[in-house]
C-alpha atoms as a PDB file:
ATOM      1  CA  MET A   1      -0.057  -0.052   0.073  1.00  0.00           C
ATOM      2  CA  GLU A   2       2.861   2.319   0.762  1.00  0.00           C
ATOM      3  CA  GLN A   3       4.392   1.815  -2.823  1.00  0.00           C
ATOM      4  CA  ILE A   4       1.019   2.844  -4.302  1.00  0.00           C
ATOM      5  CA  ILE A   5       0.919   5.999  -2.176  1.00  0.00           C
ATOM      6  CA  GLN A   6       4.439   6.636  -3.055  1.00  0.00           C
ATOM      7  CA  PHE A   7       3.607   6.129  -6.797  1.00  0.00           C
ATOM      8  CA  LEU A   8       0.677   8.628  -6.810  1.00  0.00           C
ATOM      9  CA  ASP A   9       2.748  11.592  -5.502  1.00  0.00           C
ATOM     10  CA  ASP A  10       2.002  15.028  -6.859  1.00  0.00           C
ATOM     11  CA  ASN A  11       4.598  14.964  -9.657  1.00  0.00           C
ATOM     12  CA  THR A  12       3.318  11.568 -10.910  1.00  0.00           C
ATOM     13  CA  LEU A  13      -0.379  13.023 -10.913  1.00  0.00           C
ATOM     14  CA  ALA A  14       0.720  16.140 -12.788  1.00  0.00           C
ATOM     15  CA  MET A  15       2.610  13.957 -15.363  1.00  0.00           C
ATOM     16  CA  LEU A  16      -0.350  11.523 -15.840  1.00  0.00           C
ATOM     17  CA  SER A  17      -2.606  14.617 -16.208  1.00  0.00           C
ATOM     18  CA  LEU A  18      -0.225  16.076 -18.839  1.00  0.00           C
ATOM     19  CA  LEU A  19      -0.142  12.646 -20.700  1.00  0.00           C
ATOM     20  CA  VAL A  20      -4.122  12.692 -20.668  1.00  0.00           C
ATOM     21  CA  LEU A  21      -4.338  16.135 -21.918  1.00  0.00           C
ATOM     22  CA  ALA A  22      -1.888  15.668 -24.562  1.00  0.00           C
ATOM     23  CA  SER A  23      -3.585  12.418 -25.689  1.00  0.00           C
ATOM     24  CA  PHE A  24      -6.956  14.205 -26.127  1.00  0.00           C
ATOM     25  CA  LEU A  25      -5.301  17.244 -27.808  1.00  0.00           C
ATOM     26  CA  GLY A  26      -3.372  14.958 -30.158  1.00  0.00           C
ATOM     27  CA  MET A  27      -6.596  13.103 -31.147  1.00  0.00           C
ATOM     28  CA  GLU A  28      -8.408  16.364 -31.697  1.00  0.00           C
ATOM     29  CA  ILE A  29      -5.501  17.872 -33.975  1.00  0.00           C
ATOM     30  CA  ILE A  30      -5.131  14.589 -35.948  1.00  0.00           C
ATOM     31  CA  GLY A  31      -8.796  14.325 -36.486  1.00  0.00           C
ATOM     32  CA  LYS A  32      -8.938  17.592 -38.190  1.00  0.00           C
ATOM     33  CA  VAL A  33      -5.997  16.929 -40.681  1.00  0.00           C
ATOM     34  CA  PRO A  34      -7.151  16.428 -44.264  1.00  0.00           C
ATOM     35  CA  THR A  35      -6.680  13.047 -45.782  1.00  0.00           C
ATOM     36  CA  VAL A  36      -4.106  14.270 -48.236  1.00  0.00           C
ATOM     37  CA  LEU A  37      -1.787  15.308 -45.460  1.00  0.00           C
ATOM     38  CA  HIS A  38      -2.005  12.032 -43.382  1.00  0.00           C
ATOM     39  CA  THR A  39       1.026  10.343 -45.189  1.00  0.00           C
ATOM     40  CA  PRO A  40       3.371  13.290 -44.694  1.00  0.00           C
ATOM     41  CA  LEU A  41       2.255  13.541 -41.095  1.00  0.00           C
ATOM     42  CA  MET A  42       3.218   9.875 -40.554  1.00  0.00           C
ATOM     43  CA  SER A  43       6.685  10.617 -41.809  1.00  0.00           C
ATOM     44  CA  GLY A  44       6.963  13.205 -39.113  1.00  0.00           C
ATOM     45  CA  ALA A  45       5.808  10.819 -36.510  1.00  0.00           C
ATOM     46  CA  ASN A  46       8.652   8.595 -37.258  1.00  0.00           C
ATOM     47  CA  ALA A  47      11.020  11.022 -35.727  1.00  0.00           C
ATOM     48  CA  ILE A  48       8.870  11.328 -32.717  1.00  0.00           C
ATOM     49  CA  SER A  49       8.689   7.412 -32.320  1.00  0.00           C
ATOM     50  CA  GLY A  50      12.524   7.338 -32.674  1.00  0.00           C
ATOM     51  CA  VAL A  51      12.806   9.645 -29.684  1.00  0.00           C
ATOM     52  CA  VAL A  52      10.450   7.471 -27.662  1.00  0.00           C
ATOM     53  CA  VAL A  53      12.496   4.237 -28.514  1.00  0.00           C
ATOM     54  CA  ILE A  54      15.669   6.051 -27.169  1.00  0.00           C
ATOM     55  CA  GLY A  55      13.751   7.251 -24.094  1.00  0.00           C
ATOM     56  CA  ALA A  56      12.508   3.715 -23.446  1.00  0.00           C
ATOM     57  CA  ILE A  57      16.007   2.293 -23.787  1.00  0.00           C
ATOM     58  CA  ILE A  58      17.261   4.915 -21.290  1.00  0.00           C
ATOM     59  CA  LEU A  59      14.389   4.199 -18.901  1.00  0.00           C
ATOM     60  CA  ILE A  60      15.260   0.370 -19.068  1.00  0.00           C
ATOM     61  CA  ARG A  61      19.023   0.946 -18.571  1.00  0.00           C
ATOM     62  CA  LYS A  62      18.455   3.227 -15.449  1.00  0.00           C
ATOM     63  CA  ALA A  63      15.854   0.772 -13.966  1.00  0.00           C
ATOM     64  CA  ASN A  64      16.699  -1.599 -11.070  1.00  0.00           C
ATOM     65  CA  ALA A  65      16.784  -5.222 -11.861  1.00  0.00           C
ATOM     66  CA  ASP A  66      13.881  -5.920  -9.538  1.00  0.00           C
ATOM     67  CA  ASP A  67      11.622  -2.969 -10.751  1.00  0.00           C
ATOM     68  CA  TYR A  68       9.406  -5.040 -13.119  1.00  0.00           C
ATOM     69  CA  LEU A  69       6.938  -2.241 -13.671  1.00  0.00           C
ATOM     70  CA  THR A  70       9.501   0.156 -15.190  1.00  0.00           C
ATOM     71  CA  LEU A  71      11.189  -2.759 -17.074  1.00  0.00           C
ATOM     72  CA  SER A  72       7.689  -3.774 -18.493  1.00  0.00           C
ATOM     73  CA  LEU A  73       6.771  -0.170 -19.346  1.00  0.00           C
ATOM     74  CA  GLY A  74      10.192   0.292 -21.114  1.00  0.00           C
ATOM     75  CA  PHE A  75       9.667  -3.001 -23.073  1.00  0.00           C
ATOM     76  CA  ILE A  76       6.209  -1.957 -24.150  1.00  0.00           C
ATOM     77  CA  GLY A  77       7.382   1.491 -25.307  1.00  0.00           C
ATOM     78  CA  ILE A  78      10.097   0.088 -27.333  1.00  0.00           C
ATOM     79  CA  ALA A  79       7.950  -2.522 -28.997  1.00  0.00           C
ATOM     80  CA  LEU A  80       5.074   0.053 -29.761  1.00  0.00           C
ATOM     81  CA  ALA A  81       7.352   2.734 -31.083  1.00  0.00           C
ATOM     82  CA  MET A  82       9.279   0.327 -33.223  1.00  0.00           C
ATOM     83  CA  ILE A  83       6.090  -0.835 -34.766  1.00  0.00           C
ATOM     84  CA  ASN A  84       5.218   2.691 -35.529  1.00  0.00           C
ATOM     85  CA  VAL A  85       8.648   3.487 -36.957  1.00  0.00           C
ATOM     86  CA  VAL A  86       8.616   0.407 -39.226  1.00  0.00           C
ATOM     87  CA  GLY A  87       5.061   1.020 -40.378  1.00  0.00           C
ATOM     88  CA  GLY A  88       5.695   4.789 -40.976  1.00  0.00           C
ATOM     89  CA  PHE A  89       8.808   4.079 -43.085  1.00  0.00           C
ATOM     90  CA  ALA A  90       6.818   1.535 -45.171  1.00  0.00           C
ATOM     91  CA  VAL A  91       4.040   3.941 -45.893  1.00  0.00           C
ATOM     92  CA  THR A  92       6.630   6.676 -46.603  1.00  0.00           C
ATOM     93  CA  ASN A  93       8.480   4.516 -48.914  1.00  0.00           C
ATOM     94  CA  ARG A  94       5.131   3.669 -50.823  1.00  0.00           C
ATOM     95  CA  MET A  95       4.235   7.444 -50.976  1.00  0.00           C
ATOM     96  CA  LEU A  96       7.657   8.179 -52.450  1.00  0.00           C
ATOM     97  CA  ASP A  97       7.357   5.439 -54.954  1.00  0.00           C
ATOM     98  CA  MET A  98       4.154   7.114 -56.279  1.00  0.00           C
ATOM     99  CA  PHE A  99       6.193  10.289 -57.328  1.00  0.00           C
ATOM    100  CA  LYS A 100       8.810   8.356 -59.180  1.00  0.00           C
ATOM    101  CA  LYS A 101       8.709   8.282 -62.908  1.00  0.00           C
ATOM    102  CA  LYS A 102       7.618   5.034 -64.415  1.00  0.00           C
ATOM    103  CA  GLU A 103       9.815   3.617 -67.099  1.00  0.00           C
ATOM    104  CA  ARG A 104       8.095   3.122 -70.509  1.00  0.00           C
ATOM    105  CA  LYS A 105       8.681  -0.190 -72.341  1.00  0.00           C
ATOM    106  CA  ALA A 106       9.374   0.355 -76.022  1.00  0.00           C
END
């Protein structure tokens, strides 16, 4: 019980509130983006996901070996961000292929 109370200190509640607010704001902004701009927006999200991967790696490196919550959250962060990075690069590559000139057969 003492660990739960320690987890829910003022700083953690402020960070959780900021996460929830940023999530709602992000969904509201993304929802209003025209369809034509979704692919370039995904390309920009690759950079953000790359930062998440680096942050999760740092989180895992600084965690104690018996802190399973931190290690689990770091692993989940790495896995989800890498899925986003790989998917974003695949979509960006397809988008760039659309703009290449097609060779004509004679």
